[in-house]
Protein backbone atom coordinates (compact mmCIF):
# COMPACT_ATOMS: atom_id res chain seq x y z
CA UNK A 1 0.00 0.00 0.00
CA UNK A 2 1.30 3.47 -0.90
CA UNK A 3 1.26 6.58 1.26
CA UNK A 4 -1.05 8.39 -1.19
CA UNK A 5 -3.55 5.51 -1.00
CA UNK A 6 -3.61 5.71 2.79
CA UNK A 7 -3.97 9.51 2.68
CA UNK A 8 -6.97 9.21 0.36
CA UNK A 9 -8.57 6.46 2.44
CA UNK A 10 -7.88 8.42 5.62
CA UNK A 11 -9.62 11.53 4.27
CA UNK A 12 -12.71 9.45 3.50
CA UNK A 13 -12.52 7.84 6.95
CA UNK A 14 -12.32 11.27 8.61
CA UNK A 15 -15.43 12.51 6.79
CA UNK A 16 -17.40 9.33 7.51
CA UNK A 17 -16.27 8.66 11.10
CA UNK A 18 -16.69 12.26 12.22
CA UNK A 19 -19.85 12.83 10.17
CA UNK A 20 -18.51 16.00 8.54
CA UNK A 21 -21.64 16.90 6.60
CA UNK A 22 -20.26 20.00 4.89
CA UNK A 23 -16.84 18.54 4.04
CA UNK A 24 -15.80 16.15 1.29
CA UNK A 25 -12.59 14.09 1.35
CA UNK A 26 -11.30 16.19 -1.56
CA UNK A 27 -11.63 19.36 0.52
CA UNK A 28 -9.32 18.07 3.25
CA UNK A 29 -5.74 19.26 2.84
CA UNK A 30 -3.11 16.58 3.21
CA UNK A 31 -0.69 18.92 4.97
CA UNK A 32 -3.00 21.23 6.96
CA UNK A 33 -3.26 20.71 10.73
CA UNK A 34 -6.11 18.44 11.80
CA UNK A 35 -6.69 20.24 15.10
CA UNK A 36 -7.54 23.84 16.00
CA UNK A 37 -6.39 25.38 12.71
CA UNK A 38 -6.92 23.55 9.44
CA UNK A 39 -9.72 21.02 9.82
CA UNK A 40 -10.52 22.25 13.33
CA UNK A 41 -10.96 18.92 15.08
CA UNK A 42 -11.07 18.61 18.88
CA UNK A 43 -10.14 15.96 21.44
CA UNK A 44 -13.46 14.11 21.06
CA UNK A 45 -12.84 13.95 17.32
CA UNK A 46 -9.38 12.52 18.03
CA UNK A 47 -10.89 9.70 20.06
CA UNK A 48 -13.47 8.97 17.36
CA UNK A 49 -10.80 9.00 14.68
CA UNK A 50 -8.49 6.75 16.71
CA UNK A 51 -11.34 4.22 17.07
CA UNK A 52 -12.07 4.41 13.34
CA UNK A 53 -8.40 3.82 12.55
CA UNK A 54 -8.36 0.84 14.89
CA UNK A 55 -11.44 -0.57 13.17
CA UNK A 56 -10.04 -0.03 9.67
CA UNK A 57 -6.37 -0.96 10.09
CA UNK A 58 -6.53 -3.13 13.22
CA UNK A 59 -4.15 -1.41 15.61
CA UNK A 60 -4.56 0.96 18.53
CA UNK A 61 -2.90 4.31 18.75
CA UNK A 62 -1.33 4.05 22.18
CA UNK A 63 -1.24 6.40 25.11
CA UNK A 64 2.12 8.04 24.35
CA UNK A 65 0.83 11.61 24.11
CA UNK A 66 3.86 13.04 22.31
CA UNK A 67 3.82 10.36 19.60
CA UNK A 68 0.04 10.55 19.21
CA UNK A 69 0.17 14.35 18.95
CA UNK A 70 2.84 14.08 16.27
CA UNK A 71 0.93 11.39 14.34
CA UNK A 72 -2.30 13.40 14.43
CA UNK A 73 -0.58 16.56 13.14
CA UNK A 74 -1.99 16.26 9.62
CA UNK A 75 -3.44 13.71 7.23
CA UNK A 76 0.07 13.29 5.84
CA UNK A 77 1.68 12.55 9.21
CA UNK A 78 -1.16 10.24 10.23
CA UNK A 79 -0.93 8.34 6.95
CA UNK A 80 2.84 7.99 7.39
CA UNK A 81 2.27 6.66 10.90
CA UNK A 82 -0.29 4.13 9.61
CA UNK A 83 2.02 3.04 6.78
CA UNK A 84 4.86 2.56 9.26
CA UNK A 85 2.63 0.43 11.48
CA UNK A 86 1.49 -1.65 8.52
CA UNK A 87 5.03 -2.32 7.35
CA UNK A 88 6.76 -2.91 10.69
CA UNK A 89 6.96 -6.09 12.69
CA UNK A 90 6.97 -4.20 15.97
CA UNK A 91 4.01 -4.03 18.28
CA UNK A 92 1.25 -2.05 16.58
CA UNK A 93 0.75 0.26 19.56
CA UNK A 94 2.40 3.60 20.23
CA UNK A 95 2.86 2.84 23.89
C-alpha atoms as a PDB file:
ATOM      1  CA  UNK A   1       0.000   0.000   0.000  1.00  0.00           C
ATOM      2  CA  UNK A   2       1.298   3.465  -0.897  1.00  0.00           C
ATOM      3  CA  UNK A   3       1.259   6.579   1.264  1.00  0.00           C
ATOM      4  CA  UNK A   4      -1.047   8.385  -1.186  1.00  0.00           C
ATOM      5  CA  UNK A   5      -3.553   5.514  -1.000  1.00  0.00           C
ATOM      6  CA  UNK A   6      -3.612   5.706   2.789  1.00  0.00           C
ATOM      7  CA  UNK A   7      -3.973   9.508   2.681  1.00  0.00           C
ATOM      8  CA  UNK A   8      -6.969   9.207   0.360  1.00  0.00           C
ATOM      9  CA  UNK A   9      -8.571   6.464   2.440  1.00  0.00           C
ATOM     10  CA  UNK A  10      -7.883   8.422   5.621  1.00  0.00           C
ATOM     11  CA  UNK A  11      -9.624  11.530   4.273  1.00  0.00           C
ATOM     12  CA  UNK A  12     -12.707   9.446   3.500  1.00  0.00           C
ATOM     13  CA  UNK A  13     -12.525   7.837   6.949  1.00  0.00           C
ATOM     14  CA  UNK A  14     -12.319  11.274   8.609  1.00  0.00           C
ATOM     15  CA  UNK A  15     -15.426  12.505   6.791  1.00  0.00           C
ATOM     16  CA  UNK A  16     -17.401   9.325   7.509  1.00  0.00           C
ATOM     17  CA  UNK A  17     -16.274   8.655  11.098  1.00  0.00           C
ATOM     18  CA  UNK A  18     -16.691  12.262  12.221  1.00  0.00           C
ATOM     19  CA  UNK A  19     -19.851  12.826  10.170  1.00  0.00           C
ATOM     20  CA  UNK A  20     -18.512  15.997   8.541  1.00  0.00           C
ATOM     21  CA  UNK A  21     -21.640  16.898   6.600  1.00  0.00           C
ATOM     22  CA  UNK A  22     -20.262  20.001   4.894  1.00  0.00           C
ATOM     23  CA  UNK A  23     -16.843  18.538   4.038  1.00  0.00           C
ATOM     24  CA  UNK A  24     -15.798  16.146   1.291  1.00  0.00           C
ATOM     25  CA  UNK A  25     -12.590  14.094   1.354  1.00  0.00           C
ATOM     26  CA  UNK A  26     -11.297  16.191  -1.561  1.00  0.00           C
ATOM     27  CA  UNK A  27     -11.635  19.361   0.522  1.00  0.00           C
ATOM     28  CA  UNK A  28      -9.319  18.069   3.246  1.00  0.00           C
ATOM     29  CA  UNK A  29      -5.740  19.259   2.838  1.00  0.00           C
ATOM     30  CA  UNK A  30      -3.112  16.581   3.212  1.00  0.00           C
ATOM     31  CA  UNK A  31      -0.692  18.919   4.969  1.00  0.00           C
ATOM     32  CA  UNK A  32      -2.996  21.230   6.962  1.00  0.00           C
ATOM     33  CA  UNK A  33      -3.263  20.712  10.726  1.00  0.00           C
ATOM     34  CA  UNK A  34      -6.114  18.443  11.801  1.00  0.00           C
ATOM     35  CA  UNK A  35      -6.695  20.239  15.101  1.00  0.00           C
ATOM     36  CA  UNK A  36      -7.541  23.837  16.004  1.00  0.00           C
ATOM     37  CA  UNK A  37      -6.394  25.381  12.710  1.00  0.00           C
ATOM     38  CA  UNK A  38      -6.918  23.546   9.437  1.00  0.00           C
ATOM     39  CA  UNK A  39      -9.721  21.025   9.817  1.00  0.00           C
ATOM     40  CA  UNK A  40     -10.520  22.254  13.330  1.00  0.00           C
ATOM     41  CA  UNK A  41     -10.957  18.917  15.083  1.00  0.00           C
ATOM     42  CA  UNK A  42     -11.068  18.608  18.882  1.00  0.00           C
ATOM     43  CA  UNK A  43     -10.140  15.960  21.442  1.00  0.00           C
ATOM     44  CA  UNK A  44     -13.463  14.107  21.061  1.00  0.00           C
ATOM     45  CA  UNK A  45     -12.841  13.948  17.315  1.00  0.00           C
ATOM     46  CA  UNK A  46      -9.375  12.523  18.027  1.00  0.00           C
ATOM     47  CA  UNK A  47     -10.893   9.696  20.055  1.00  0.00           C
ATOM     48  CA  UNK A  48     -13.470   8.967  17.363  1.00  0.00           C
ATOM     49  CA  UNK A  49     -10.802   9.002  14.677  1.00  0.00           C
ATOM     50  CA  UNK A  50      -8.489   6.749  16.711  1.00  0.00           C
ATOM     51  CA  UNK A  51     -11.336   4.221  17.074  1.00  0.00           C
ATOM     52  CA  UNK A  52     -12.073   4.405  13.339  1.00  0.00           C
ATOM     53  CA  UNK A  53      -8.396   3.817  12.546  1.00  0.00           C
ATOM     54  CA  UNK A  54      -8.364   0.836  14.891  1.00  0.00           C
ATOM     55  CA  UNK A  55     -11.445  -0.566  13.170  1.00  0.00           C
ATOM     56  CA  UNK A  56     -10.038  -0.027   9.672  1.00  0.00           C
ATOM     57  CA  UNK A  57      -6.373  -0.965  10.085  1.00  0.00           C
ATOM     58  CA  UNK A  58      -6.528  -3.127  13.216  1.00  0.00           C
ATOM     59  CA  UNK A  59      -4.151  -1.409  15.612  1.00  0.00           C
ATOM     60  CA  UNK A  60      -4.560   0.956  18.530  1.00  0.00           C
ATOM     61  CA  UNK A  61      -2.896   4.308  18.746  1.00  0.00           C
ATOM     62  CA  UNK A  62      -1.328   4.051  22.182  1.00  0.00           C
ATOM     63  CA  UNK A  63      -1.238   6.395  25.108  1.00  0.00           C
ATOM     64  CA  UNK A  64       2.124   8.041  24.354  1.00  0.00           C
ATOM     65  CA  UNK A  65       0.829  11.610  24.106  1.00  0.00           C
ATOM     66  CA  UNK A  66       3.861  13.040  22.307  1.00  0.00           C
ATOM     67  CA  UNK A  67       3.821  10.359  19.603  1.00  0.00           C
ATOM     68  CA  UNK A  68       0.042  10.555  19.207  1.00  0.00           C
ATOM     69  CA  UNK A  69       0.167  14.350  18.948  1.00  0.00           C
ATOM     70  CA  UNK A  70       2.844  14.085  16.269  1.00  0.00           C
ATOM     71  CA  UNK A  71       0.930  11.393  14.337  1.00  0.00           C
ATOM     72  CA  UNK A  72      -2.295  13.404  14.434  1.00  0.00           C
ATOM     73  CA  UNK A  73      -0.578  16.561  13.141  1.00  0.00           C
ATOM     74  CA  UNK A  74      -1.989  16.263   9.620  1.00  0.00           C
ATOM     75  CA  UNK A  75      -3.443  13.711   7.227  1.00  0.00           C
ATOM     76  CA  UNK A  76       0.066  13.288   5.838  1.00  0.00           C
ATOM     77  CA  UNK A  77       1.678  12.554   9.212  1.00  0.00           C
ATOM     78  CA  UNK A  78      -1.160  10.240  10.234  1.00  0.00           C
ATOM     79  CA  UNK A  79      -0.934   8.338   6.952  1.00  0.00           C
ATOM     80  CA  UNK A  80       2.842   7.994   7.385  1.00  0.00           C
ATOM     81  CA  UNK A  81       2.274   6.656  10.902  1.00  0.00           C
ATOM     82  CA  UNK A  82      -0.286   4.132   9.612  1.00  0.00           C
ATOM     83  CA  UNK A  83       2.019   3.039   6.776  1.00  0.00           C
ATOM     84  CA  UNK A  84       4.861   2.563   9.258  1.00  0.00           C
ATOM     85  CA  UNK A  85       2.632   0.427  11.481  1.00  0.00           C
ATOM     86  CA  UNK A  86       1.487  -1.655   8.517  1.00  0.00           C
ATOM     87  CA  UNK A  87       5.034  -2.323   7.351  1.00  0.00           C
ATOM     88  CA  UNK A  88       6.761  -2.912  10.688  1.00  0.00           C
ATOM     89  CA  UNK A  89       6.956  -6.090  12.690  1.00  0.00           C
ATOM     90  CA  UNK A  90       6.967  -4.203  15.967  1.00  0.00           C
ATOM     91  CA  UNK A  91       4.005  -4.033  18.278  1.00  0.00           C
ATOM     92  CA  UNK A  92       1.246  -2.048  16.578  1.00  0.00           C
ATOM     93  CA  UNK A  93       0.755   0.257  19.560  1.00  0.00           C
ATOM     94  CA  UNK A  94       2.403   3.596  20.234  1.00  0.00           C
ATOM     95  CA  UNK A  95       2.855   2.837  23.886  1.00  0.00           C
END
